[in-house]
């Protein structure tokens, strides 16, 4: 029974990671415009880092979802 709860938790966690990555990807331009008002140097490095974090969140979430549906079905 705990296996089902663990699988459900992993699926929800994967969906949450993916949603967080997508939302971060959407809000980066708006936040960079606000940051640009205060800082002028290093904006390209900051943009790279923020986009990299959002891509890693999306990839991590999709990987968890993929593992939940494909890999666990092969084991059964």
PDB file of N, CA and C in Angstrom:
ATOM      1  N   UNK A   1       0.806  -1.190   0.000  1.00  0.00           N
ATOM      2  CA  UNK A   1       0.000   0.000   0.000  1.00  0.00           C
ATOM      3  C   UNK A   1       0.857   1.265   0.000  1.00  0.00           C
ATOM      4  N   UNK A   2       1.988   1.258   0.699  1.00  0.00           N
ATOM      5  CA  UNK A   2       2.844   2.439   0.711  1.00  0.00           C
ATOM      6  C   UNK A   2       3.485   2.659  -0.650  1.00  0.00           C
ATOM      7  N   UNK A   3       3.630   1.592  -1.435  1.00  0.00           N
ATOM      8  CA  UNK A   3       4.192   1.742  -2.778  1.00  0.00           C
ATOM      9  C   UNK A   3       3.296   2.619  -3.639  1.00  0.00           C
ATOM     10  N   UNK A   4       1.986   2.467  -3.494  1.00  0.00           N
ATOM     11  CA  UNK A   4       1.056   3.289  -4.270  1.00  0.00           C
ATOM     12  C   UNK A   4       1.131   4.750  -3.852  1.00  0.00           C
ATOM     13  N   UNK A   5       1.243   4.995  -2.543  1.00  0.00           N
ATOM     14  CA  UNK A   5       1.362   6.368  -2.074  1.00  0.00           C
ATOM     15  C   UNK A   5       2.683   6.993  -2.518  1.00  0.00           C
ATOM     16  N   UNK A   6       3.732   6.199  -2.493  1.00  0.00           N
ATOM     17  CA  UNK A   6       5.038   6.695  -2.934  1.00  0.00           C
ATOM     18  C   UNK A   6       5.013   7.013  -4.427  1.00  0.00           C
ATOM     19  N   UNK A   7       4.382   6.159  -5.210  1.00  0.00           N
ATOM     20  CA  UNK A   7       4.272   6.406  -6.650  1.00  0.00           C
ATOM     21  C   UNK A   7       3.434   7.652  -6.927  1.00  0.00           C
ATOM     22  N   UNK A   8       2.357   7.824  -6.177  1.00  0.00           N
ATOM     23  CA  UNK A   8       1.519   9.009  -6.350  1.00  0.00           C
ATOM     24  C   UNK A   8       2.281  10.270  -5.955  1.00  0.00           C
ATOM     25  N   UNK A   9       3.033  10.197  -4.856  1.00  0.00           N
ATOM     26  CA  UNK A   9       3.831  11.344  -4.427  1.00  0.00           C
ATOM     27  C   UNK A   9       4.872  11.713  -5.483  1.00  0.00           C
ATOM     28  N   UNK A  10       5.542  10.729  -6.057  1.00  0.00           N
ATOM     29  CA  UNK A  10       6.544  10.995  -7.090  1.00  0.00           C
ATOM     30  C   UNK A  10       5.916  11.620  -8.331  1.00  0.00           C
ATOM     31  N   UNK A  11       4.719  11.169  -8.686  1.00  0.00           N
ATOM     32  CA  UNK A  11       4.012  11.748  -9.831  1.00  0.00           C
ATOM     33  C   UNK A  11       3.634  13.201  -9.557  1.00  0.00           C
ATOM     34  N   UNK A  12       3.098  13.468  -8.384  1.00  0.00           N
ATOM     35  CA  UNK A  12       2.725  14.843  -8.027  1.00  0.00           C
ATOM     36  C   UNK A  12       3.964  15.737  -7.966  1.00  0.00           C
ATOM     37  N   UNK A  13       5.059  15.198  -7.424  1.00  0.00           N
ATOM     38  CA  UNK A  13       6.299  15.970  -7.339  1.00  0.00           C
ATOM     39  C   UNK A  13       6.824  16.290  -8.740  1.00  0.00           C
ATOM     40  N   UNK A  14       6.743  15.350  -9.664  1.00  0.00           N
ATOM     41  CA  UNK A  14       7.169  15.592 -11.036  1.00  0.00           C
ATOM     42  C   UNK A  14       6.327  16.657 -11.717  1.00  0.00           C
ATOM     43  N   UNK A  15       5.031  16.618 -11.490  1.00  0.00           N
ATOM     44  CA  UNK A  15       4.144  17.630 -12.063  1.00  0.00           C
ATOM     45  C   UNK A  15       4.454  19.003 -11.466  1.00  0.00           C
ATOM     46  N   UNK A  16       4.704  19.044 -10.160  1.00  0.00           N
ATOM     47  CA  UNK A  16       5.022  20.318  -9.505  1.00  0.00           C
ATOM     48  C   UNK A  16       6.335  20.897 -10.020  1.00  0.00           C
ATOM     49  N   UNK A  17       7.347  20.052 -10.214  1.00  0.00           N
ATOM     50  CA  UNK A  17       8.626  20.529 -10.751  1.00  0.00           C
ATOM     51  C   UNK A  17       8.455  21.092 -12.156  1.00  0.00           C
ATOM     52  N   UNK A  18       7.700  20.379 -12.980  1.00  0.00           N
ATOM     53  CA  UNK A  18       7.479  20.833 -14.348  1.00  0.00           C
ATOM     54  C   UNK A  18       6.730  22.158 -14.376  1.00  0.00           C
ATOM     55  N   UNK A  19       5.694  22.280 -13.567  1.00  0.00           N
ATOM     56  CA  UNK A  19       4.929  23.531 -13.513  1.00  0.00           C
ATOM     57  C   UNK A  19       5.790  24.684 -13.012  1.00  0.00           C
ATOM     58  N   UNK A  20       6.614  24.421 -12.004  1.00  0.00           N
ATOM     59  CA  UNK A  20       7.489  25.470 -11.482  1.00  0.00           C
ATOM     60  C   UNK A  20       8.485  25.926 -12.547  1.00  0.00           C
ATOM     61  N   UNK A  21       9.032  24.991 -13.303  1.00  0.00           N
ATOM     62  CA  UNK A  21       9.968  25.345 -14.362  1.00  0.00           C
ATOM     63  C   UNK A  21       9.318  26.149 -15.468  1.00  0.00           C
ATOM     64  N   UNK A  22       8.112  25.764 -15.864  1.00  0.00           N
ATOM     65  CA  UNK A  22       7.406  26.490 -16.927  1.00  0.00           C
ATOM     66  C   UNK A  22       7.043  27.898 -16.461  1.00  0.00           C
ATOM     67  N   UNK A  23       6.539  28.014 -15.239  1.00  0.00           N
ATOM     68  CA  UNK A  23       6.171  29.335 -14.726  1.00  0.00           C
ATOM     69  C   UNK A  23       7.401  30.225 -14.569  1.00  0.00           C
ATOM     70  N   UNK A  24       8.503  29.650 -14.147  1.00  0.00           N
ATOM     71  CA  UNK A  24       9.731  30.439 -14.027  1.00  0.00           C
ATOM     72  C   UNK A  24      10.191  30.898 -15.409  1.00  0.00           C
ATOM     73  N   UNK A  25      10.088  30.017 -16.396  1.00  0.00           N
ATOM     74  CA  UNK A  25      10.467  30.357 -17.768  1.00  0.00           C
ATOM     75  C   UNK A  25       9.625  31.515 -18.294  1.00  0.00           C
ATOM     76  N   UNK A  26       8.355  31.547 -17.920  1.00  0.00           N
ATOM     77  CA  UNK A  26       7.455  32.606 -18.382  1.00  0.00           C
ATOM     78  C   UNK A  26       7.765  33.939 -17.704  1.00  0.00           C
ATOM     79  N   UNK A  27       8.097  33.923 -16.415  1.00  0.00           N
ATOM     80  CA  UNK A  27       8.286  35.153 -15.655  1.00  0.00           C
ATOM     81  C   UNK A  27       9.689  35.723 -15.712  1.00  0.00           C
ATOM     82  N   UNK A  28      10.628  35.040 -16.314  1.00  0.00           N
ATOM     83  CA  UNK A  28      12.008  35.542 -16.353  1.00  0.00           C
ATOM     84  C   UNK A  28      12.114  36.900 -17.047  1.00  0.00           C
ATOM     85  N   UNK A  29      11.523  37.114 -18.222  1.00  0.00           N
ATOM     86  CA  UNK A  29      11.667  38.442 -18.852  1.00  0.00           C
ATOM     87  C   UNK A  29      11.133  39.587 -17.993  1.00  0.00           C
ATOM     88  N   UNK A  30      10.019  39.366 -17.315  1.00  0.00           N
ATOM     89  CA  UNK A  30       9.447  40.409 -16.460  1.00  0.00           C
ATOM     90  C   UNK A  30      10.375  40.703 -15.282  1.00  0.00           C
ATOM     91  N   UNK A  31      10.893  39.685 -14.657  1.00  0.00           N
ATOM     92  CA  UNK A  31      11.776  39.889 -13.510  1.00  0.00           C
ATOM     93  C   UNK A  31      13.111  40.497 -13.938  1.00  0.00           C
ATOM     94  N   UNK A  32      13.603  40.133 -15.104  1.00  0.00           N
ATOM     95  CA  UNK A  32      14.853  40.728 -15.580  1.00  0.00           C
ATOM     96  C   UNK A  32      14.690  42.213 -15.865  1.00  0.00           C
ATOM     97  N   UNK A  33      13.510  42.615 -16.315  1.00  0.00           N
ATOM     98  CA  UNK A  33      13.265  44.049 -16.534  1.00  0.00           C
ATOM     99  C   UNK A  33      13.305  44.805 -15.210  1.00  0.00           C
ATOM    100  N   UNK A  34      12.790  44.194 -14.165  1.00  0.00           N
ATOM    101  CA  UNK A  34      12.841  44.835 -12.845  1.00  0.00           C
ATOM    102  C   UNK A  34      14.278  44.881 -12.315  1.00  0.00           C
ATOM    103  N   UNK A  35      15.005  43.815 -12.502  1.00  0.00           N
ATOM    104  CA  UNK A  35      16.388  43.753 -12.017  1.00  0.00           C
ATOM    105  C   UNK A  35      17.273  44.717 -12.796  1.00  0.00           C
ATOM    106  N   UNK A  36      17.004  44.872 -14.087  1.00  0.00           N
ATOM    107  CA  UNK A  36      17.808  45.751 -14.941  1.00  0.00           C
ATOM    108  C   UNK A  36      17.745  47.207 -14.480  1.00  0.00           C
ATOM    109  N   UNK A  37      16.674  47.586 -13.816  1.00  0.00           N
ATOM    110  CA  UNK A  37      16.554  48.954 -13.313  1.00  0.00           C
ATOM    111  C   UNK A  37      17.570  49.241 -12.210  1.00  0.00           C
ATOM    112  N   UNK A  38      17.964  48.194 -11.471  1.00  0.00           N
ATOM    113  CA  UNK A  38      18.876  48.382 -10.346  1.00  0.00           C
ATOM    114  C   UNK A  38      20.321  48.024 -10.676  1.00  0.00           C
ATOM    115  N   UNK A  39      20.504  47.030 -11.540  1.00  0.00           N
ATOM    116  CA  UNK A  39      21.850  46.573 -11.896  1.00  0.00           C
ATOM    117  C   UNK A  39      22.008  46.599 -13.399  1.00  0.00           C
ATOM    118  N   UNK A  40      23.164  47.024 -13.855  1.00  0.00           N
ATOM    119  CA  UNK A  40      23.383  47.053 -15.300  1.00  0.00           C
ATOM    120  C   UNK A  40      24.403  46.008 -15.739  1.00  0.00           C
ATOM    121  N   UNK A  41      25.299  45.622 -14.855  1.00  0.00           N
ATOM    122  CA  UNK A  41      26.321  44.652 -15.256  1.00  0.00           C
ATOM    123  C   UNK A  41      25.914  43.250 -14.815  1.00  0.00           C
ATOM    124  N   UNK A  42      26.344  42.276 -15.576  1.00  0.00           N
ATOM    125  CA  UNK A  42      26.093  40.886 -15.236  1.00  0.00           C
ATOM    126  C   UNK A  42      24.707  40.391 -15.569  1.00  0.00           C
ATOM    127  N   UNK A  43      23.958  41.158 -16.357  1.00  0.00           N
ATOM    128  CA  UNK A  43      22.579  40.769 -16.650  1.00  0.00           C
ATOM    129  C   UNK A  43      22.539  39.544 -17.563  1.00  0.00           C
ATOM    130  N   UNK A  44      23.531  39.387 -18.451  1.00  0.00           N
ATOM    131  CA  UNK A  44      23.545  38.235 -19.354  1.00  0.00           C
ATOM    132  C   UNK A  44      23.845  36.955 -18.598  1.00  0.00           C
ATOM    133  N   UNK A  45      24.748  37.017 -17.628  1.00  0.00           N
ATOM    134  CA  UNK A  45      25.042  35.852 -16.805  1.00  0.00           C
ATOM    135  C   UNK A  45      23.832  35.480 -15.950  1.00  0.00           C
ATOM    136  N   UNK A  46      23.151  36.468 -15.404  1.00  0.00           N
ATOM    137  CA  UNK A  46      21.959  36.216 -14.604  1.00  0.00           C
ATOM    138  C   UNK A  46      20.861  35.597 -15.454  1.00  0.00           C
ATOM    139  N   UNK A  47      20.683  36.112 -16.663  1.00  0.00           N
ATOM    140  CA  UNK A  47      19.682  35.550 -17.578  1.00  0.00           C
ATOM    141  C   UNK A  47      20.003  34.098 -17.900  1.00  0.00           C
ATOM    142  N   UNK A  48      21.262  33.806 -18.175  1.00  0.00           N
ATOM    143  CA  UNK A  48      21.673  32.435 -18.462  1.00  0.00           C
ATOM    144  C   UNK A  48      21.372  31.520 -17.279  1.00  0.00           C
ATOM    145  N   UNK A  49      21.713  31.968 -16.080  1.00  0.00           N
ATOM    146  CA  UNK A  49      21.507  31.150 -14.885  1.00  0.00           C
ATOM    147  C   UNK A  49      20.023  30.886 -14.628  1.00  0.00           C
ATOM    148  N   UNK A  50      19.197  31.899 -14.767  1.00  0.00           N
ATOM    149  CA  UNK A  50      17.769  31.731 -14.521  1.00  0.00           C
ATOM    150  C   UNK A  50      17.129  30.791 -15.536  1.00  0.00           C
ATOM    151  N   UNK A  51      17.502  30.954 -16.808  1.00  0.00           N
ATOM    152  CA  UNK A  51      16.960  30.047 -17.819  1.00  0.00           C
ATOM    153  C   UNK A  51      17.471  28.618 -17.618  1.00  0.00           C
ATOM    154  N   UNK A  52      18.711  28.469 -17.181  1.00  0.00           N
ATOM    155  CA  UNK A  52      19.257  27.136 -16.933  1.00  0.00           C
ATOM    156  C   UNK A  52      18.520  26.460 -15.778  1.00  0.00           C
ATOM    157  N   UNK A  53      18.224  27.204 -14.725  1.00  0.00           N
ATOM    158  CA  UNK A  53      17.477  26.648 -13.598  1.00  0.00           C
ATOM    159  C   UNK A  53      16.081  26.211 -14.040  1.00  0.00           C
ATOM    160  N   UNK A  54      15.423  27.030 -14.837  1.00  0.00           N
ATOM    161  CA  UNK A  54      14.076  26.662 -15.271  1.00  0.00           C
ATOM    162  C   UNK A  54      14.106  25.443 -16.188  1.00  0.00           C
ATOM    163  N   UNK A  55      15.105  25.342 -17.047  1.00  0.00           N
ATOM    164  CA  UNK A  55      15.224  24.166 -17.911  1.00  0.00           C
ATOM    165  C   UNK A  55      15.502  22.920 -17.089  1.00  0.00           C
ATOM    166  N   UNK A  56      16.356  23.043 -16.078  1.00  0.00           N
ATOM    167  CA  UNK A  56      16.637  21.885 -15.220  1.00  0.00           C
ATOM    168  C   UNK A  56      15.400  21.448 -14.437  1.00  0.00           C
ATOM    169  N   UNK A  57      14.592  22.396 -13.983  1.00  0.00           N
ATOM    170  CA  UNK A  57      13.345  22.043 -13.300  1.00  0.00           C
ATOM    171  C   UNK A  57      12.400  21.290 -14.236  1.00  0.00           C
ATOM    172  N   UNK A  58      12.273  21.770 -15.461  1.00  0.00           N
ATOM    173  CA  UNK A  58      11.384  21.117 -16.427  1.00  0.00           C
ATOM    174  C   UNK A  58      11.893  19.720 -16.751  1.00  0.00           C
ATOM    175  N   UNK A  59      13.181  19.591 -17.004  1.00  0.00           N
ATOM    176  CA  UNK A  59      13.752  18.278 -17.344  1.00  0.00           C
ATOM    177  C   UNK A  59      13.606  17.315 -16.164  1.00  0.00           C
ATOM    178  N   UNK A  60      13.850  17.792 -14.958  1.00  0.00           N
ATOM    179  CA  UNK A  60      13.705  16.935 -13.781  1.00  0.00           C
ATOM    180  C   UNK A  60      12.275  16.478 -13.579  1.00  0.00           C
ATOM    181  N   UNK A  61      11.325  17.372 -13.764  1.00  0.00           N
ATOM    182  CA  UNK A  61       9.919  17.006 -13.620  1.00  0.00           C
ATOM    183  C   UNK A  61       9.458  16.035 -14.684  1.00  0.00           C
ATOM    184  N   UNK A  62       9.839  16.284 -15.923  1.00  0.00           N
ATOM    185  CA  UNK A  62       9.451  15.386 -17.014  1.00  0.00           C
ATOM    186  C   UNK A  62      10.102  14.012 -16.822  1.00  0.00           C
ATOM    187  N   UNK A  63      11.325  13.989 -16.325  1.00  0.00           N
ATOM    188  CA  UNK A  63      11.994  12.717 -16.066  1.00  0.00           C
ATOM    189  C   UNK A  63      11.250  11.928 -14.991  1.00  0.00           C
ATOM    190  N   UNK A  64      10.814  12.586 -13.933  1.00  0.00           N
ATOM    191  CA  UNK A  64      10.055  11.895 -12.880  1.00  0.00           C
ATOM    192  C   UNK A  64       8.736  11.359 -13.427  1.00  0.00           C
ATOM    193  N   UNK A  65       8.047  12.147 -14.227  1.00  0.00           N
ATOM    194  CA  UNK A  65       6.784  11.701 -14.812  1.00  0.00           C
ATOM    195  C   UNK A  65       7.035  10.530 -15.762  1.00  0.00           C
ATOM    196  N   UNK A  66       8.051  10.630 -16.583  1.00  0.00           N
ATOM    197  CA  UNK A  66       8.393   9.557 -17.516  1.00  0.00           C
ATOM    198  C   UNK A  66       8.730   8.280 -16.766  1.00  0.00           C
ATOM    199  N   UNK A  67       9.543   8.392 -15.735  1.00  0.00           N
ATOM    200  CA  UNK A  67       9.908   7.207 -14.947  1.00  0.00           C
ATOM    201  C   UNK A  67       8.682   6.589 -14.288  1.00  0.00           C
ATOM    202  N   UNK A  68       7.753   7.410 -13.881  1.00  0.00           N
ATOM    203  CA  UNK A  68       6.563   6.900 -13.223  1.00  0.00           C
ATOM    204  C   UNK A  68       5.704   6.085 -14.175  1.00  0.00           C
ATOM    205  N   UNK A  69       5.567   6.532 -15.415  1.00  0.00           N
ATOM    206  CA  UNK A  69       4.667   5.851 -16.337  1.00  0.00           C
ATOM    207  C   UNK A  69       5.355   4.757 -17.149  1.00  0.00           C
ATOM    208  N   UNK A  70       6.576   4.979 -17.604  1.00  0.00           N
ATOM    209  CA  UNK A  70       7.214   4.047 -18.523  1.00  0.00           C
ATOM    210  C   UNK A  70       8.059   3.016 -17.793  1.00  0.00           C
ATOM    211  N   UNK A  71       8.958   3.480 -16.937  1.00  0.00           N
ATOM    212  CA  UNK A  71       9.911   2.574 -16.306  1.00  0.00           C
ATOM    213  C   UNK A  71       9.206   1.650 -15.321  1.00  0.00           C
ATOM    214  N   UNK A  72       8.285   2.170 -14.526  1.00  0.00           N
ATOM    215  CA  UNK A  72       7.594   1.312 -13.558  1.00  0.00           C
ATOM    216  C   UNK A  72       6.667   0.322 -14.231  1.00  0.00           C
ATOM    217  N   UNK A  73       6.145   0.650 -15.395  1.00  0.00           N
ATOM    218  CA  UNK A  73       5.282  -0.297 -16.119  1.00  0.00           C
ATOM    219  C   UNK A  73       6.100  -1.452 -16.677  1.00  0.00           C
ATOM    220  N   UNK A  74       7.343  -1.192 -17.031  1.00  0.00           N
ATOM    221  CA  UNK A  74       8.214  -2.264 -17.540  1.00  0.00           C
ATOM    222  C   UNK A  74       8.592  -3.243 -16.438  1.00  0.00           C
ATOM    223  N   UNK A  75       8.716  -2.756 -15.196  1.00  0.00           N
ATOM    224  CA  UNK A  75       9.083  -3.611 -14.082  1.00  0.00           C
ATOM    225  C   UNK A  75       7.972  -4.569 -13.695  1.00  0.00           C
ATOM    226  N   UNK A  76       6.730  -4.192 -13.967  1.00  0.00           N
ATOM    227  CA  UNK A  76       5.584  -5.013 -13.557  1.00  0.00           C
ATOM    228  C   UNK A  76       5.318  -6.130 -14.493  1.00  0.00           C
TER     229      UNK A  76
END
